[in-house]
Amino acid sequence: MTMSAARAETVLVPVHCSKSPEWSAFATIYQHAFPFWEREPLPRIATRIDSGRYRLTVLRSADELVAGFHLLDRVAVLDYAVLTFLAVRRALRGRGLGRRLLRDAVCAFHAEAGPAWLFVEAEAELVPFYLGQGFRQLALDYRVPHYGSLTATQPMTLLTLHRSDRVGSIAGELIRQVIEHLFSDGYQVRPDDARLVRQQQRVPDLVGVF
């Protein structure tokens, strides 16, 4: 099957409730796509979807198979959104479905009045994927906590997309606010957690974007 044929036979479906028929398929893909240390607990994802904070969109094929998903988190109080997770079912990778999901997430971000920034955390091998869709990399030594660990961290790249796309640098104060929220609200670490303290110390007063 060609990439264009694969795209033609799929449809993007918003999921507003964790009781929806797509939830089980989403949960299966999510658990297979991400290692344990990177996975936010499913009950918390369900609660945030049900409350309207998380925006889950699945990519469904003509035979009703869920092929992949993206999950957006809007943090209006800090004027940013986060592409929390994006994944494609392993057997369907390499057909352009990931790019379709990412483009849809970016379009959803631009279509909605609200946060000026969209952030995503990515491992090194996925950075070109995001750069190819308009994201820009922050010049920052960035290491995220592991879920379920009090000490472990993982090197990541923090990337961003701004509505104006004319940003050459970002105030370190803003990035520290974003990181504090990502670590405390996302990874559920305490404000005095050494990993958060050290990460904040690695943020310069002005963070380059390239």
N, C-alpha and C. Protein backbone atom coordinates (compact mmCIF):
# COMPACT_ATOMS: atom_id res chain seq x y z
N MET A 1 0.84 -1.19 0.00
CA MET A 1 0.00 0.00 0.00
C MET A 1 0.88 1.25 0.00
N THR A 2 0.57 2.20 -0.85
CA THR A 2 1.34 3.44 -0.90
C THR A 2 0.99 4.32 0.29
N MET A 3 1.87 5.32 0.56
CA MET A 3 1.61 6.24 1.66
C MET A 3 0.34 7.03 1.43
N SER A 4 0.13 7.46 0.17
CA SER A 4 -1.08 8.24 -0.12
C SER A 4 -2.33 7.39 0.09
N ALA A 5 -2.26 6.11 -0.27
CA ALA A 5 -3.41 5.22 -0.07
C ALA A 5 -3.68 5.01 1.41
N ALA A 6 -2.59 4.86 2.19
CA ALA A 6 -2.76 4.67 3.64
C ALA A 6 -3.43 5.89 4.26
N ARG A 7 -3.02 7.09 3.82
CA ARG A 7 -3.62 8.31 4.37
C ARG A 7 -5.08 8.42 3.95
N ALA A 8 -5.38 8.03 2.71
CA ALA A 8 -6.74 8.16 2.21
C ALA A 8 -7.70 7.25 2.95
N GLU A 9 -7.20 6.15 3.49
CA GLU A 9 -8.06 5.18 4.15
C GLU A 9 -8.13 5.39 5.66
N THR A 10 -7.66 6.52 6.14
CA THR A 10 -7.71 6.81 7.56
C THR A 10 -8.44 8.13 7.80
N VAL A 11 -9.00 8.26 9.00
CA VAL A 11 -9.71 9.48 9.36
C VAL A 11 -9.34 9.86 10.79
N LEU A 12 -9.22 11.16 11.04
CA LEU A 12 -8.88 11.67 12.36
C LEU A 12 -10.16 11.84 13.18
N VAL A 13 -10.15 11.31 14.40
CA VAL A 13 -11.35 11.31 15.23
C VAL A 13 -11.02 11.87 16.62
N PRO A 14 -11.61 13.00 17.03
CA PRO A 14 -11.42 13.49 18.39
C PRO A 14 -12.09 12.55 19.40
N VAL A 15 -11.44 12.35 20.53
CA VAL A 15 -11.98 11.50 21.59
C VAL A 15 -12.16 12.37 22.83
N HIS A 16 -13.40 12.54 23.26
CA HIS A 16 -13.70 13.46 24.36
C HIS A 16 -13.97 12.75 25.69
N CYS A 17 -13.97 11.43 25.67
CA CYS A 17 -14.36 10.69 26.88
C CYS A 17 -13.58 9.38 26.97
N SER A 18 -13.12 9.06 28.17
CA SER A 18 -12.35 7.82 28.35
C SER A 18 -13.23 6.57 28.28
N LYS A 19 -14.53 6.75 28.17
CA LYS A 19 -15.44 5.61 27.99
C LYS A 19 -15.74 5.34 26.52
N SER A 20 -15.12 6.10 25.63
CA SER A 20 -15.39 5.95 24.20
C SER A 20 -14.83 4.62 23.68
N PRO A 21 -15.33 4.15 22.54
CA PRO A 21 -14.85 2.87 21.97
C PRO A 21 -13.36 2.90 21.63
N GLU A 22 -12.82 4.10 21.37
CA GLU A 22 -11.41 4.19 20.95
C GLU A 22 -10.44 4.12 22.13
N TRP A 23 -10.94 4.26 23.34
CA TRP A 23 -10.04 4.36 24.50
C TRP A 23 -9.15 3.13 24.66
N SER A 24 -9.70 1.96 24.57
CA SER A 24 -8.94 0.73 24.77
C SER A 24 -7.81 0.61 23.74
N ALA A 25 -8.11 0.92 22.48
CA ALA A 25 -7.09 0.84 21.43
C ALA A 25 -6.00 1.88 21.66
N PHE A 26 -6.40 3.09 22.05
CA PHE A 26 -5.42 4.13 22.39
C PHE A 26 -4.50 3.63 23.49
N ALA A 27 -5.08 3.07 24.56
CA ALA A 27 -4.29 2.63 25.71
C ALA A 27 -3.30 1.54 25.31
N THR A 28 -3.70 0.65 24.43
CA THR A 28 -2.81 -0.43 23.98
C THR A 28 -1.63 0.13 23.20
N ILE A 29 -1.90 1.02 22.24
CA ILE A 29 -0.82 1.62 21.45
C ILE A 29 0.11 2.41 22.35
N TYR A 30 -0.46 3.17 23.26
CA TYR A 30 0.32 3.99 24.20
C TYR A 30 1.27 3.14 25.03
N GLN A 31 0.77 2.05 25.57
CA GLN A 31 1.60 1.20 26.43
C GLN A 31 2.68 0.47 25.65
N HIS A 32 2.42 0.17 24.38
CA HIS A 32 3.43 -0.49 23.55
C HIS A 32 4.47 0.49 23.00
N ALA A 33 4.07 1.74 22.82
CA ALA A 33 4.95 2.72 22.16
C ALA A 33 5.95 3.37 23.10
N PHE A 34 5.61 3.46 24.38
CA PHE A 34 6.47 4.20 25.32
C PHE A 34 6.94 3.30 26.45
N PRO A 35 8.21 3.44 26.85
CA PRO A 35 8.71 2.65 27.98
C PRO A 35 8.01 3.06 29.28
N PHE A 36 8.09 2.19 30.27
CA PHE A 36 7.39 2.44 31.53
C PHE A 36 7.78 3.78 32.14
N TRP A 37 9.07 4.11 32.11
CA TRP A 37 9.53 5.32 32.79
C TRP A 37 8.96 6.59 32.16
N GLU A 38 8.51 6.49 30.90
CA GLU A 38 8.02 7.67 30.17
C GLU A 38 6.50 7.78 30.20
N ARG A 39 5.82 6.78 30.70
CA ARG A 39 4.36 6.73 30.60
C ARG A 39 3.67 7.41 31.77
N GLU A 40 2.88 8.42 31.44
CA GLU A 40 2.00 9.02 32.44
C GLU A 40 0.92 7.99 32.78
N PRO A 41 0.53 7.88 34.05
CA PRO A 41 -0.48 6.88 34.42
C PRO A 41 -1.78 7.06 33.63
N LEU A 42 -2.29 5.96 33.11
CA LEU A 42 -3.51 6.02 32.30
C LEU A 42 -4.72 6.60 33.05
N PRO A 43 -4.91 6.29 34.34
CA PRO A 43 -6.05 6.89 35.04
C PRO A 43 -6.00 8.42 35.05
N ARG A 44 -4.79 8.98 35.14
CA ARG A 44 -4.68 10.44 35.13
C ARG A 44 -4.97 11.00 33.74
N ILE A 45 -4.50 10.30 32.71
CA ILE A 45 -4.83 10.72 31.34
C ILE A 45 -6.34 10.70 31.15
N ALA A 46 -6.98 9.64 31.62
CA ALA A 46 -8.44 9.52 31.48
C ALA A 46 -9.15 10.68 32.17
N THR A 47 -8.71 11.01 33.37
CA THR A 47 -9.34 12.11 34.12
C THR A 47 -9.19 13.42 33.37
N ARG A 48 -8.03 13.64 32.80
CA ARG A 48 -7.78 14.92 32.11
C ARG A 48 -8.49 14.98 30.76
N ILE A 49 -8.69 13.85 30.13
CA ILE A 49 -9.50 13.84 28.90
C ILE A 49 -10.96 14.14 29.25
N ASP A 50 -11.45 13.49 30.28
CA ASP A 50 -12.85 13.67 30.68
C ASP A 50 -13.13 15.10 31.12
N SER A 51 -12.13 15.77 31.70
CA SER A 51 -12.32 17.15 32.16
C SER A 51 -12.17 18.17 31.03
N GLY A 52 -11.67 17.72 29.87
CA GLY A 52 -11.48 18.61 28.74
C GLY A 52 -10.11 19.24 28.65
N ARG A 53 -9.25 18.94 29.61
CA ARG A 53 -7.91 19.53 29.57
C ARG A 53 -7.04 18.87 28.50
N TYR A 54 -7.02 17.55 28.47
CA TYR A 54 -6.27 16.84 27.43
C TYR A 54 -7.17 16.67 26.20
N ARG A 55 -6.57 16.87 25.02
CA ARG A 55 -7.29 16.70 23.76
C ARG A 55 -6.70 15.48 23.05
N LEU A 56 -7.42 14.38 23.06
CA LEU A 56 -6.97 13.16 22.40
C LEU A 56 -7.60 13.06 21.01
N THR A 57 -6.76 12.81 20.01
CA THR A 57 -7.23 12.57 18.65
C THR A 57 -6.63 11.26 18.17
N VAL A 58 -7.47 10.36 17.65
CA VAL A 58 -6.97 9.09 17.13
C VAL A 58 -7.09 9.09 15.61
N LEU A 59 -6.24 8.31 14.99
CA LEU A 59 -6.28 8.10 13.54
C LEU A 59 -6.87 6.72 13.31
N ARG A 60 -8.04 6.68 12.70
CA ARG A 60 -8.77 5.42 12.55
C ARG A 60 -8.82 5.02 11.09
N SER A 61 -8.62 3.73 10.82
CA SER A 61 -8.64 3.22 9.45
C SER A 61 -10.06 2.88 9.04
N ALA A 62 -10.22 2.55 7.76
CA ALA A 62 -11.55 2.24 7.22
C ALA A 62 -12.17 1.03 7.91
N ASP A 63 -11.34 0.11 8.41
CA ASP A 63 -11.88 -1.07 9.10
C ASP A 63 -12.01 -0.85 10.61
N GLU A 64 -11.99 0.44 11.02
CA GLU A 64 -12.22 0.84 12.42
C GLU A 64 -11.01 0.58 13.31
N LEU A 65 -9.88 0.19 12.74
CA LEU A 65 -8.67 -0.01 13.54
C LEU A 65 -8.07 1.35 13.89
N VAL A 66 -7.72 1.55 15.15
CA VAL A 66 -7.03 2.77 15.56
C VAL A 66 -5.55 2.61 15.20
N ALA A 67 -5.08 3.47 14.29
CA ALA A 67 -3.72 3.35 13.77
C ALA A 67 -2.71 4.15 14.58
N GLY A 68 -3.16 5.19 15.28
CA GLY A 68 -2.26 6.03 16.05
C GLY A 68 -3.03 7.13 16.74
N PHE A 69 -2.29 8.02 17.41
CA PHE A 69 -2.95 9.08 18.17
C PHE A 69 -1.99 10.23 18.45
N HIS A 70 -2.55 11.38 18.80
CA HIS A 70 -1.77 12.43 19.45
C HIS A 70 -2.57 12.96 20.63
N LEU A 71 -1.85 13.45 21.63
CA LEU A 71 -2.47 13.94 22.86
C LEU A 71 -1.91 15.33 23.16
N LEU A 72 -2.78 16.33 23.18
CA LEU A 72 -2.40 17.72 23.44
C LEU A 72 -2.85 18.14 24.83
N ASP A 73 -1.99 18.88 25.51
CA ASP A 73 -2.32 19.43 26.82
C ASP A 73 -2.26 20.95 26.73
N ARG A 74 -3.37 21.60 26.99
CA ARG A 74 -3.40 23.06 26.99
C ARG A 74 -3.19 23.57 28.41
N VAL A 75 -2.20 24.45 28.57
CA VAL A 75 -1.91 25.03 29.89
C VAL A 75 -2.11 26.53 29.77
N ALA A 76 -3.35 26.96 29.74
CA ALA A 76 -3.68 28.35 29.44
C ALA A 76 -3.08 29.33 30.43
N VAL A 77 -2.98 28.92 31.69
CA VAL A 77 -2.48 29.84 32.71
C VAL A 77 -1.04 30.27 32.43
N LEU A 78 -0.27 29.45 31.73
CA LEU A 78 1.11 29.79 31.39
C LEU A 78 1.28 30.08 29.90
N ASP A 79 0.20 30.18 29.16
CA ASP A 79 0.23 30.56 27.75
C ASP A 79 1.02 29.58 26.88
N TYR A 80 0.91 28.30 27.16
CA TYR A 80 1.55 27.32 26.29
C TYR A 80 0.73 26.03 26.26
N ALA A 81 1.01 25.23 25.24
CA ALA A 81 0.42 23.90 25.12
C ALA A 81 1.56 22.89 24.96
N VAL A 82 1.27 21.64 25.25
CA VAL A 82 2.28 20.59 25.14
C VAL A 82 1.73 19.45 24.29
N LEU A 83 2.51 19.04 23.30
CA LEU A 83 2.19 17.80 22.59
C LEU A 83 2.74 16.69 23.47
N THR A 84 1.87 16.14 24.30
CA THR A 84 2.30 15.24 25.36
C THR A 84 2.77 13.89 24.83
N PHE A 85 1.99 13.30 23.92
CA PHE A 85 2.35 12.01 23.34
C PHE A 85 1.84 11.94 21.90
N LEU A 86 2.60 11.25 21.06
CA LEU A 86 2.19 10.94 19.68
C LEU A 86 2.78 9.58 19.35
N ALA A 87 1.96 8.70 18.80
CA ALA A 87 2.46 7.36 18.46
C ALA A 87 1.61 6.74 17.35
N VAL A 88 2.24 5.83 16.61
CA VAL A 88 1.56 5.06 15.56
C VAL A 88 1.72 3.58 15.90
N ARG A 89 0.67 2.81 15.65
CA ARG A 89 0.72 1.36 15.87
C ARG A 89 1.95 0.79 15.14
N ARG A 90 2.70 -0.04 15.82
CA ARG A 90 3.99 -0.52 15.30
C ARG A 90 3.88 -1.10 13.89
N ALA A 91 2.87 -1.89 13.61
CA ALA A 91 2.73 -2.55 12.31
C ALA A 91 2.43 -1.58 11.18
N LEU A 92 2.04 -0.35 11.52
CA LEU A 92 1.64 0.62 10.49
C LEU A 92 2.64 1.76 10.35
N ARG A 93 3.78 1.65 10.97
CA ARG A 93 4.78 2.72 10.88
C ARG A 93 5.43 2.72 9.50
N GLY A 94 5.99 3.87 9.12
CA GLY A 94 6.65 4.01 7.84
C GLY A 94 5.72 4.33 6.69
N ARG A 95 4.49 4.73 6.98
CA ARG A 95 3.51 5.04 5.94
C ARG A 95 3.08 6.51 5.95
N GLY A 96 3.79 7.33 6.70
CA GLY A 96 3.45 8.75 6.75
C GLY A 96 2.36 9.10 7.74
N LEU A 97 1.92 8.13 8.54
CA LEU A 97 0.83 8.39 9.48
C LEU A 97 1.27 9.28 10.64
N GLY A 98 2.52 9.12 11.07
CA GLY A 98 3.04 9.97 12.14
C GLY A 98 3.07 11.43 11.72
N ARG A 99 3.50 11.68 10.49
CA ARG A 99 3.52 13.06 9.99
C ARG A 99 2.11 13.62 9.90
N ARG A 100 1.17 12.78 9.49
CA ARG A 100 -0.22 13.25 9.42
C ARG A 100 -0.74 13.63 10.81
N LEU A 101 -0.44 12.80 11.79
CA LEU A 101 -0.85 13.10 13.15
C LEU A 101 -0.20 14.38 13.66
N LEU A 102 1.08 14.55 13.37
CA LEU A 102 1.78 15.75 13.84
C LEU A 102 1.23 16.99 13.17
N ARG A 103 0.98 16.92 11.88
CA ARG A 103 0.40 18.08 11.18
C ARG A 103 -0.97 18.43 11.75
N ASP A 104 -1.74 17.41 12.10
CA ASP A 104 -3.06 17.68 12.68
C ASP A 104 -2.93 18.35 14.04
N ALA A 105 -1.97 17.90 14.85
CA ALA A 105 -1.75 18.52 16.16
C ALA A 105 -1.34 19.98 16.01
N VAL A 106 -0.47 20.25 15.05
CA VAL A 106 -0.03 21.64 14.82
C VAL A 106 -1.20 22.49 14.33
N CYS A 107 -1.99 21.95 13.42
CA CYS A 107 -3.17 22.68 12.92
C CYS A 107 -4.15 22.97 14.06
N ALA A 108 -4.35 22.00 14.94
CA ALA A 108 -5.25 22.21 16.08
C ALA A 108 -4.73 23.31 16.99
N PHE A 109 -3.42 23.35 17.17
CA PHE A 109 -2.80 24.41 17.98
C PHE A 109 -3.03 25.78 17.36
N HIS A 110 -2.80 25.89 16.04
CA HIS A 110 -2.96 27.18 15.37
C HIS A 110 -4.42 27.60 15.25
N ALA A 111 -5.32 26.64 15.15
CA ALA A 111 -6.73 26.96 14.93
C ALA A 111 -7.42 27.50 16.17
N GLU A 112 -6.86 27.21 17.32
CA GLU A 112 -7.51 27.60 18.57
C GLU A 112 -6.88 28.85 19.13
N ALA A 113 -7.69 29.85 19.43
CA ALA A 113 -7.16 31.03 20.11
C ALA A 113 -6.72 30.61 21.50
N GLY A 114 -5.56 31.06 21.90
CA GLY A 114 -5.08 30.67 23.22
C GLY A 114 -3.58 30.69 23.30
N PRO A 115 -2.95 29.59 23.75
CA PRO A 115 -1.52 29.58 24.01
C PRO A 115 -0.68 30.00 22.81
N ALA A 116 0.37 30.76 23.07
CA ALA A 116 1.25 31.22 22.00
C ALA A 116 2.32 30.19 21.65
N TRP A 117 2.59 29.28 22.57
CA TRP A 117 3.68 28.32 22.39
C TRP A 117 3.16 26.89 22.41
N LEU A 118 3.78 26.05 21.59
CA LEU A 118 3.55 24.61 21.64
C LEU A 118 4.90 23.95 21.88
N PHE A 119 5.01 23.17 22.94
CA PHE A 119 6.26 22.49 23.29
C PHE A 119 6.12 20.98 23.12
N VAL A 120 7.25 20.33 22.86
CA VAL A 120 7.29 18.87 22.83
C VAL A 120 8.66 18.42 23.31
N GLU A 121 8.69 17.34 24.08
CA GLU A 121 9.93 16.71 24.50
C GLU A 121 10.20 15.54 23.56
N ALA A 122 11.44 15.43 23.07
CA ALA A 122 11.74 14.37 22.11
C ALA A 122 13.11 13.76 22.39
N GLU A 123 13.20 12.45 22.19
CA GLU A 123 14.50 11.79 22.24
C GLU A 123 15.26 12.11 20.96
N ALA A 124 16.58 11.95 21.01
CA ALA A 124 17.45 12.45 19.95
C ALA A 124 17.05 11.96 18.56
N GLU A 125 16.65 10.69 18.44
CA GLU A 125 16.36 10.14 17.11
C GLU A 125 15.08 10.72 16.50
N LEU A 126 14.24 11.33 17.32
CA LEU A 126 12.98 11.90 16.82
C LEU A 126 13.05 13.40 16.56
N VAL A 127 14.16 14.02 16.91
CA VAL A 127 14.29 15.47 16.71
C VAL A 127 14.11 15.86 15.24
N PRO A 128 14.74 15.17 14.26
CA PRO A 128 14.53 15.55 12.85
C PRO A 128 13.07 15.47 12.42
N PHE A 129 12.32 14.53 12.96
CA PHE A 129 10.89 14.39 12.65
C PHE A 129 10.15 15.68 13.01
N TYR A 130 10.42 16.23 14.18
CA TYR A 130 9.74 17.45 14.60
C TYR A 130 10.28 18.69 13.89
N LEU A 131 11.58 18.73 13.68
CA LEU A 131 12.15 19.87 12.95
C LEU A 131 11.57 19.94 11.54
N GLY A 132 11.32 18.79 10.94
CA GLY A 132 10.77 18.74 9.58
C GLY A 132 9.35 19.27 9.49
N GLN A 133 8.67 19.41 10.62
CA GLN A 133 7.30 19.92 10.63
C GLN A 133 7.22 21.31 11.26
N GLY A 134 8.36 22.01 11.31
CA GLY A 134 8.34 23.40 11.73
C GLY A 134 8.72 23.69 13.16
N PHE A 135 8.95 22.65 13.96
CA PHE A 135 9.40 22.89 15.33
C PHE A 135 10.84 23.38 15.32
N ARG A 136 11.22 24.07 16.39
CA ARG A 136 12.60 24.55 16.53
C ARG A 136 13.15 24.09 17.87
N GLN A 137 14.44 23.85 17.86
CA GLN A 137 15.09 23.24 19.01
C GLN A 137 15.60 24.31 19.97
N LEU A 138 15.42 24.08 21.27
CA LEU A 138 15.96 24.98 22.28
C LEU A 138 17.39 24.58 22.60
N ALA A 139 18.26 25.57 22.70
CA ALA A 139 19.66 25.33 23.06
C ALA A 139 19.74 25.14 24.57
N LEU A 140 19.46 23.93 25.00
CA LEU A 140 19.28 23.69 26.43
C LEU A 140 19.66 22.26 26.78
N ASP A 141 20.44 22.10 27.84
CA ASP A 141 20.74 20.78 28.40
C ASP A 141 19.51 20.36 29.20
N TYR A 142 18.74 19.42 28.66
CA TYR A 142 17.42 19.11 29.23
C TYR A 142 17.34 17.63 29.59
N ARG A 143 16.97 17.35 30.83
CA ARG A 143 16.88 15.97 31.31
C ARG A 143 15.61 15.81 32.14
N VAL A 144 14.78 14.88 31.73
CA VAL A 144 13.48 14.73 32.39
C VAL A 144 13.52 13.61 33.43
N PRO A 145 12.67 13.69 34.45
CA PRO A 145 12.60 12.61 35.44
C PRO A 145 11.95 11.36 34.85
N HIS A 146 12.22 10.23 35.47
CA HIS A 146 11.52 8.99 35.14
C HIS A 146 10.28 8.88 36.02
N TYR A 147 9.16 8.50 35.42
CA TYR A 147 8.00 8.14 36.24
C TYR A 147 8.38 6.93 37.10
N GLY A 148 7.98 6.96 38.35
CA GLY A 148 8.20 5.81 39.23
C GLY A 148 9.59 5.74 39.82
N SER A 149 10.41 6.79 39.65
CA SER A 149 11.76 6.81 40.22
C SER A 149 11.98 8.13 40.96
N LEU A 150 12.73 8.06 42.04
CA LEU A 150 13.02 9.27 42.81
C LEU A 150 14.30 9.95 42.37
N THR A 151 15.09 9.27 41.51
CA THR A 151 16.40 9.83 41.15
C THR A 151 16.71 9.82 39.65
N ALA A 152 16.16 8.89 38.90
CA ALA A 152 16.57 8.68 37.50
C ALA A 152 16.13 9.84 36.60
N THR A 153 16.95 10.12 35.59
CA THR A 153 16.63 11.12 34.58
C THR A 153 16.95 10.57 33.20
N GLN A 154 16.44 11.24 32.18
CA GLN A 154 16.66 10.85 30.79
C GLN A 154 16.94 12.09 29.95
N PRO A 155 18.05 12.10 29.19
CA PRO A 155 18.29 13.25 28.30
C PRO A 155 17.20 13.35 27.24
N MET A 156 16.70 14.54 27.03
CA MET A 156 15.69 14.80 26.02
C MET A 156 16.04 16.12 25.33
N THR A 157 15.37 16.37 24.22
CA THR A 157 15.46 17.67 23.56
C THR A 157 14.11 18.35 23.72
N LEU A 158 14.14 19.62 24.11
CA LEU A 158 12.92 20.40 24.22
C LEU A 158 12.79 21.24 22.95
N LEU A 159 11.68 21.07 22.25
CA LEU A 159 11.43 21.80 21.01
C LEU A 159 10.18 22.65 21.17
N THR A 160 10.08 23.68 20.34
CA THR A 160 8.92 24.56 20.44
C THR A 160 8.46 25.05 19.08
N LEU A 161 7.21 25.43 19.04
CA LEU A 161 6.60 26.05 17.87
C LEU A 161 5.88 27.29 18.38
N HIS A 162 6.15 28.45 17.78
CA HIS A 162 5.50 29.69 18.20
C HIS A 162 4.57 30.15 17.08
N ARG A 163 3.48 30.78 17.46
CA ARG A 163 2.50 31.21 16.46
C ARG A 163 3.11 32.13 15.41
N SER A 164 4.04 32.98 15.81
CA SER A 164 4.62 33.94 14.86
C SER A 164 5.80 33.37 14.09
N ASP A 165 6.45 32.33 14.65
CA ASP A 165 7.63 31.71 14.04
C ASP A 165 8.74 32.71 13.77
N ARG A 166 8.83 33.75 14.58
CA ARG A 166 9.88 34.75 14.40
C ARG A 166 10.72 34.91 15.66
N VAL A 167 10.84 33.86 16.39
CA VAL A 167 11.50 33.91 17.69
C VAL A 167 12.92 33.38 17.56
N GLY A 168 13.90 34.20 17.98
CA GLY A 168 15.29 33.76 17.94
C GLY A 168 15.79 33.30 19.29
N SER A 169 15.10 33.71 20.33
CA SER A 169 15.46 33.31 21.69
C SER A 169 14.24 33.46 22.59
N ILE A 170 14.30 32.83 23.74
CA ILE A 170 13.20 32.86 24.70
C ILE A 170 13.77 33.22 26.06
N ALA A 171 13.07 34.06 26.79
CA ALA A 171 13.50 34.43 28.13
C ALA A 171 13.61 33.20 29.02
N GLY A 172 14.74 33.09 29.72
CA GLY A 172 14.94 31.95 30.60
C GLY A 172 13.86 31.84 31.66
N GLU A 173 13.32 32.97 32.10
CA GLU A 173 12.27 32.95 33.12
C GLU A 173 11.05 32.17 32.63
N LEU A 174 10.67 32.38 31.35
CA LEU A 174 9.53 31.64 30.80
C LEU A 174 9.83 30.15 30.75
N ILE A 175 11.03 29.80 30.29
CA ILE A 175 11.38 28.38 30.18
C ILE A 175 11.41 27.73 31.56
N ARG A 176 11.89 28.44 32.56
CA ARG A 176 11.88 27.88 33.92
C ARG A 176 10.46 27.65 34.42
N GLN A 177 9.54 28.55 34.07
CA GLN A 177 8.14 28.36 34.45
C GLN A 177 7.56 27.12 33.76
N VAL A 178 7.87 26.99 32.47
CA VAL A 178 7.38 25.83 31.71
C VAL A 178 7.93 24.54 32.31
N ILE A 179 9.23 24.52 32.58
CA ILE A 179 9.86 23.31 33.13
C ILE A 179 9.30 22.97 34.50
N GLU A 180 9.11 23.98 35.34
CA GLU A 180 8.55 23.71 36.67
C GLU A 180 7.17 23.06 36.54
N HIS A 181 6.37 23.56 35.61
CA HIS A 181 5.04 22.99 35.43
C HIS A 181 5.11 21.58 34.83
N LEU A 182 5.98 21.38 33.83
CA LEU A 182 6.13 20.05 33.22
C LEU A 182 6.56 19.02 34.26
N PHE A 183 7.51 19.40 35.10
CA PHE A 183 8.04 18.46 36.08
C PHE A 183 7.04 18.20 37.21
N SER A 184 6.42 19.26 37.73
CA SER A 184 5.54 19.08 38.89
C SER A 184 4.16 18.56 38.49
N ASP A 185 3.58 19.11 37.42
CA ASP A 185 2.24 18.71 37.01
C ASP A 185 2.27 17.46 36.12
N GLY A 186 3.33 17.32 35.32
CA GLY A 186 3.42 16.17 34.43
C GLY A 186 4.09 14.97 35.08
N TYR A 187 5.34 15.15 35.50
CA TYR A 187 6.09 14.03 36.09
C TYR A 187 5.81 13.86 37.58
N GLN A 188 5.06 14.79 38.16
CA GLN A 188 4.63 14.69 39.56
C GLN A 188 5.79 14.70 40.54
N VAL A 189 6.82 15.51 40.26
CA VAL A 189 7.92 15.63 41.22
C VAL A 189 7.63 16.80 42.17
N ARG A 190 8.22 16.75 43.34
CA ARG A 190 8.04 17.81 44.33
C ARG A 190 8.84 19.05 43.94
N PRO A 191 8.43 20.23 44.41
CA PRO A 191 9.17 21.46 44.08
C PRO A 191 10.63 21.43 44.52
N ASP A 192 10.92 20.66 45.58
CA ASP A 192 12.30 20.59 46.08
C ASP A 192 13.06 19.38 45.53
N ASP A 193 12.49 18.67 44.56
CA ASP A 193 13.16 17.53 43.95
C ASP A 193 14.47 17.99 43.31
N ALA A 194 15.54 17.27 43.60
CA ALA A 194 16.87 17.67 43.13
C ALA A 194 16.94 17.73 41.61
N ARG A 195 16.17 16.89 40.93
CA ARG A 195 16.20 16.88 39.46
C ARG A 195 15.61 18.16 38.90
N LEU A 196 14.56 18.65 39.52
CA LEU A 196 13.97 19.92 39.09
C LEU A 196 14.90 21.07 39.41
N VAL A 197 15.47 21.06 40.60
CA VAL A 197 16.39 22.13 41.00
C VAL A 197 17.57 22.21 40.05
N ARG A 198 18.17 21.06 39.74
CA ARG A 198 19.33 21.06 38.84
C ARG A 198 18.95 21.50 37.43
N GLN A 199 17.78 21.07 36.96
CA GLN A 199 17.35 21.47 35.62
C GLN A 199 17.14 22.98 35.55
N GLN A 200 16.54 23.55 36.56
CA GLN A 200 16.34 25.00 36.56
C GLN A 200 17.67 25.74 36.55
N GLN A 201 18.66 25.18 37.21
CA GLN A 201 19.99 25.81 37.23
C GLN A 201 20.67 25.75 35.87
N ARG A 202 20.26 24.82 35.03
CA ARG A 202 20.87 24.70 33.69
C ARG A 202 20.23 25.63 32.67
N VAL A 203 19.19 26.35 33.05
CA VAL A 203 18.51 27.26 32.12
C VAL A 203 19.19 28.62 32.15
N PRO A 204 19.74 29.09 31.04
CA PRO A 204 20.37 30.42 31.01
C PRO A 204 19.32 31.52 31.03
N ASP A 205 19.77 32.75 31.18
CA ASP A 205 18.83 33.89 31.20
C ASP A 205 18.14 34.08 29.86
N LEU A 206 18.81 33.68 28.80
CA LEU A 206 18.23 33.75 27.46
C LEU A 206 18.50 32.42 26.76
N VAL A 207 17.45 31.74 26.35
CA VAL A 207 17.59 30.42 25.73
C VAL A 207 17.49 30.57 24.22
N GLY A 208 18.53 30.16 23.51
CA GLY A 208 18.53 30.24 22.06
C GLY A 208 17.58 29.24 21.43
N VAL A 209 17.06 29.61 20.26
CA VAL A 209 16.16 28.74 19.50
C VAL A 209 16.74 28.60 18.10
N PHE A 210 16.91 27.37 17.62
CA PHE A 210 17.52 27.19 16.29
C PHE A 210 16.87 26.04 15.54
